[in-house]
PDB file of N, CA and C in Angstrom:
ATOM      1  N   MET A   1     -10.792 -16.886  15.304  1.00  0.00           N
ATOM      2  CA  MET A   1     -10.744 -16.928  13.847  1.00  0.00           C
ATOM      3  C   MET A   1     -10.817 -15.508  13.304  1.00  0.00           C
ATOM      4  N   ALA A   2     -10.010 -15.243  12.311  1.00  0.00           N
ATOM      5  CA  ALA A   2      -9.995 -13.916  11.700  1.00  0.00           C
ATOM      6  C   ALA A   2     -11.269 -13.702  10.891  1.00  0.00           C
ATOM      7  N   THR A   3     -11.658 -12.461  10.782  1.00  0.00           N
ATOM      8  CA  THR A   3     -12.844 -12.167   9.985  1.00  0.00           C
ATOM      9  C   THR A   3     -12.514 -12.295   8.502  1.00  0.00           C
ATOM     10  N   LEU A   4     -13.547 -12.461   7.700  1.00  0.00           N
ATOM     11  CA  LEU A   4     -13.339 -12.564   6.253  1.00  0.00           C
ATOM     12  C   LEU A   4     -12.615 -11.334   5.731  1.00  0.00           C
ATOM     13  N   GLN A   5     -13.002 -10.165   6.215  1.00  0.00           N
ATOM     14  CA  GLN A   5     -12.365  -8.933   5.751  1.00  0.00           C
ATOM     15  C   GLN A   5     -10.876  -8.931   6.092  1.00  0.00           C
ATOM     16  N   ASN A   6     -10.533  -9.332   7.297  1.00  0.00           N
ATOM     17  CA  ASN A   6      -9.123  -9.358   7.695  1.00  0.00           C
ATOM     18  C   ASN A   6      -8.319 -10.338   6.848  1.00  0.00           C
ATOM     19  N   ILE A   7      -8.893 -11.501   6.587  1.00  0.00           N
ATOM     20  CA  ILE A   7      -8.212 -12.510   5.773  1.00  0.00           C
ATOM     21  C   ILE A   7      -7.957 -11.969   4.373  1.00  0.00           C
ATOM     22  N   ILE A   8      -8.974 -11.362   3.780  1.00  0.00           N
ATOM     23  CA  ILE A   8      -8.847 -10.854   2.415  1.00  0.00           C
ATOM     24  C   ILE A   8      -7.923  -9.641   2.375  1.00  0.00           C
ATOM     25  N   ASP A   9      -8.008  -8.767   3.367  1.00  0.00           N
ATOM     26  CA  ASP A   9      -7.101  -7.612   3.427  1.00  0.00           C
ATOM     27  C   ASP A   9      -5.645  -8.063   3.509  1.00  0.00           C
ATOM     28  N   GLN A  10      -5.372  -9.051   4.344  1.00  0.00           N
ATOM     29  CA  GLN A  10      -4.001  -9.545   4.477  1.00  0.00           C
ATOM     30  C   GLN A  10      -3.534 -10.195   3.176  1.00  0.00           C
ATOM     31  N   ALA A  11      -4.409 -10.937   2.524  1.00  0.00           N
ATOM     32  CA  ALA A  11      -4.056 -11.557   1.246  1.00  0.00           C
ATOM     33  C   ALA A  11      -3.764 -10.487   0.201  1.00  0.00           C
ATOM     34  N   TRP A  12      -4.524  -9.404   0.222  1.00  0.00           N
ATOM     35  CA  TRP A  12      -4.299  -8.306  -0.723  1.00  0.00           C
ATOM     36  C   TRP A  12      -2.908  -7.714  -0.509  1.00  0.00           C
ATOM     37  N   GLU A  13      -2.524  -7.535   0.742  1.00  0.00           N
ATOM     38  CA  GLU A  13      -1.201  -6.991   1.050  1.00  0.00           C
ATOM     39  C   GLU A  13      -0.091  -7.933   0.574  1.00  0.00           C
ATOM     40  N   ASP A  14      -0.365  -9.223   0.539  1.00  0.00           N
ATOM     41  CA  ASP A  14       0.625 -10.226   0.142  1.00  0.00           C
ATOM     42  C   ASP A  14       0.373 -10.738  -1.276  1.00  0.00           C
ATOM     43  N   ARG A  15      -0.385  -9.985  -2.065  1.00  0.00           N
ATOM     44  CA  ARG A  15      -0.833 -10.454  -3.377  1.00  0.00           C
ATOM     45  C   ARG A  15       0.299 -10.800  -4.334  1.00  0.00           C
ATOM     46  N   ALA A  16       1.466 -10.187  -4.191  1.00  0.00           N
ATOM     47  CA  ALA A  16       2.587 -10.498  -5.081  1.00  0.00           C
ATOM     48  C   ALA A  16       3.045 -11.946  -4.914  1.00  0.00           C
ATOM     49  N   ASN A  17       2.776 -12.522  -3.762  1.00  0.00           N
ATOM     50  CA  ASN A  17       3.206 -13.890  -3.480  1.00  0.00           C
ATOM     51  C   ASN A  17       2.096 -14.918  -3.644  1.00  0.00           C
ATOM     52  N   LEU A  18       0.937 -14.482  -4.104  1.00  0.00           N
ATOM     53  CA  LEU A  18      -0.204 -15.390  -4.227  1.00  0.00           C
ATOM     54  C   LEU A  18      -0.539 -15.660  -5.687  1.00  0.00           C
ATOM     55  N   SER A  19      -1.076 -16.826  -5.923  1.00  0.00           N
ATOM     56  CA  SER A  19      -1.635 -17.183  -7.224  1.00  0.00           C
ATOM     57  C   SER A  19      -2.798 -18.125  -6.932  1.00  0.00           C
ATOM     58  N   PRO A  20      -3.675 -18.337  -7.901  1.00  0.00           N
ATOM     59  CA  PRO A  20      -4.810 -19.236  -7.639  1.00  0.00           C
ATOM     60  C   PRO A  20      -4.379 -20.623  -7.157  1.00  0.00           C
ATOM     61  N   SER A  21      -3.265 -21.099  -7.648  1.00  0.00           N
ATOM     62  CA  SER A  21      -2.820 -22.434  -7.244  1.00  0.00           C
ATOM     63  C   SER A  21      -2.004 -22.424  -5.953  1.00  0.00           C
ATOM     64  N   ALA A  22      -1.555 -21.244  -5.519  1.00  0.00           N
ATOM     65  CA  ALA A  22      -0.703 -21.171  -4.330  1.00  0.00           C
ATOM     66  C   ALA A  22      -1.336 -20.410  -3.175  1.00  0.00           C
ATOM     67  N   ALA A  23      -2.581 -20.016  -3.306  1.00  0.00           N
ATOM     68  CA  ALA A  23      -3.247 -19.293  -2.221  1.00  0.00           C
ATOM     69  C   ALA A  23      -3.587 -20.262  -1.092  1.00  0.00           C
ATOM     70  N   PRO A  24      -3.399 -19.828   0.149  1.00  0.00           N
ATOM     71  CA  PRO A  24      -3.774 -20.688   1.281  1.00  0.00           C
ATOM     72  C   PRO A  24      -5.273 -21.006   1.258  1.00  0.00           C
ATOM     73  N   ALA A  25      -5.622 -22.141   1.783  1.00  0.00           N
ATOM     74  CA  ALA A  25      -7.026 -22.555   1.814  1.00  0.00           C
ATOM     75  C   ALA A  25      -7.891 -21.516   2.510  1.00  0.00           C
ATOM     76  N   GLU A  26      -7.376 -20.909   3.579  1.00  0.00           N
ATOM     77  CA  GLU A  26      -8.139 -19.894   4.313  1.00  0.00           C
ATOM     78  C   GLU A  26      -8.531 -18.735   3.398  1.00  0.00           C
ATOM     79  N   VAL A  27      -7.620 -18.321   2.518  1.00  0.00           N
ATOM     80  CA  VAL A  27      -7.895 -17.214   1.595  1.00  0.00           C
ATOM     81  C   VAL A  27      -8.912 -17.657   0.549  1.00  0.00           C
ATOM     82  N   ARG A  28      -8.727 -18.825  -0.034  1.00  0.00           N
ATOM     83  CA  ARG A  28      -9.672 -19.317  -1.046  1.00  0.00           C
ATOM     84  C   ARG A  28     -11.071 -19.439  -0.465  1.00  0.00           C
ATOM     85  N   GLU A  29     -11.167 -19.959   0.750  1.00  0.00           N
ATOM     86  CA  GLU A  29     -12.477 -20.123   1.394  1.00  0.00           C
ATOM     87  C   GLU A  29     -13.115 -18.778   1.714  1.00  0.00           C
ATOM     88  N   ALA A  30     -12.320 -17.807   2.148  1.00  0.00           N
ATOM     89  CA  ALA A  30     -12.854 -16.476   2.458  1.00  0.00           C
ATOM     90  C   ALA A  30     -13.395 -15.813   1.203  1.00  0.00           C
ATOM     91  N   VAL A  31     -12.646 -15.886   0.116  1.00  0.00           N
ATOM     92  CA  VAL A  31     -13.095 -15.284  -1.143  1.00  0.00           C
ATOM     93  C   VAL A  31     -14.352 -15.992  -1.640  1.00  0.00           C
ATOM     94  N   ALA A  32     -14.372 -17.303  -1.597  1.00  0.00           N
ATOM     95  CA  ALA A  32     -15.549 -18.053  -2.044  1.00  0.00           C
ATOM     96  C   ALA A  32     -16.771 -17.693  -1.210  1.00  0.00           C
ATOM     97  N   SER A  33     -16.587 -17.537   0.078  1.00  0.00           N
ATOM     98  CA  SER A  33     -17.696 -17.185   0.965  1.00  0.00           C
ATOM     99  C   SER A  33     -18.264 -15.815   0.626  1.00  0.00           C
ATOM    100  N   VAL A  34     -17.388 -14.859   0.382  1.00  0.00           N
ATOM    101  CA  VAL A  34     -17.841 -13.507   0.038  1.00  0.00           C
ATOM    102  C   VAL A  34     -18.560 -13.514  -1.305  1.00  0.00           C
ATOM    103  N   LEU A  35     -18.003 -14.224  -2.281  1.00  0.00           N
ATOM    104  CA  LEU A  35     -18.635 -14.266  -3.602  1.00  0.00           C
ATOM    105  C   LEU A  35     -19.987 -14.970  -3.566  1.00  0.00           C
ATOM    106  N   ALA A  36     -20.130 -15.936  -2.682  1.00  0.00           N
ATOM    107  CA  ALA A  36     -21.396 -16.662  -2.564  1.00  0.00           C
ATOM    108  C   ALA A  36     -22.475 -15.811  -1.906  1.00  0.00           C
ATOM    109  N   GLY A  37     -22.033 -14.764  -1.231  1.00  0.00           N
ATOM    110  CA  GLY A  37     -22.988 -13.845  -0.609  1.00  0.00           C
ATOM    111  C   GLY A  37     -23.328 -14.271   0.738  1.00  0.00           C
TER     112      GLY A  37
END
């Protein structure tokens, strides 16, 4: 499994193709996990 940092870094690189409704579950879960602390 990729680390949270790797998942978020990759999503950042692909940010032009992402939106809140179109983000993969893995990205949403990684961001939620980081925000939750």
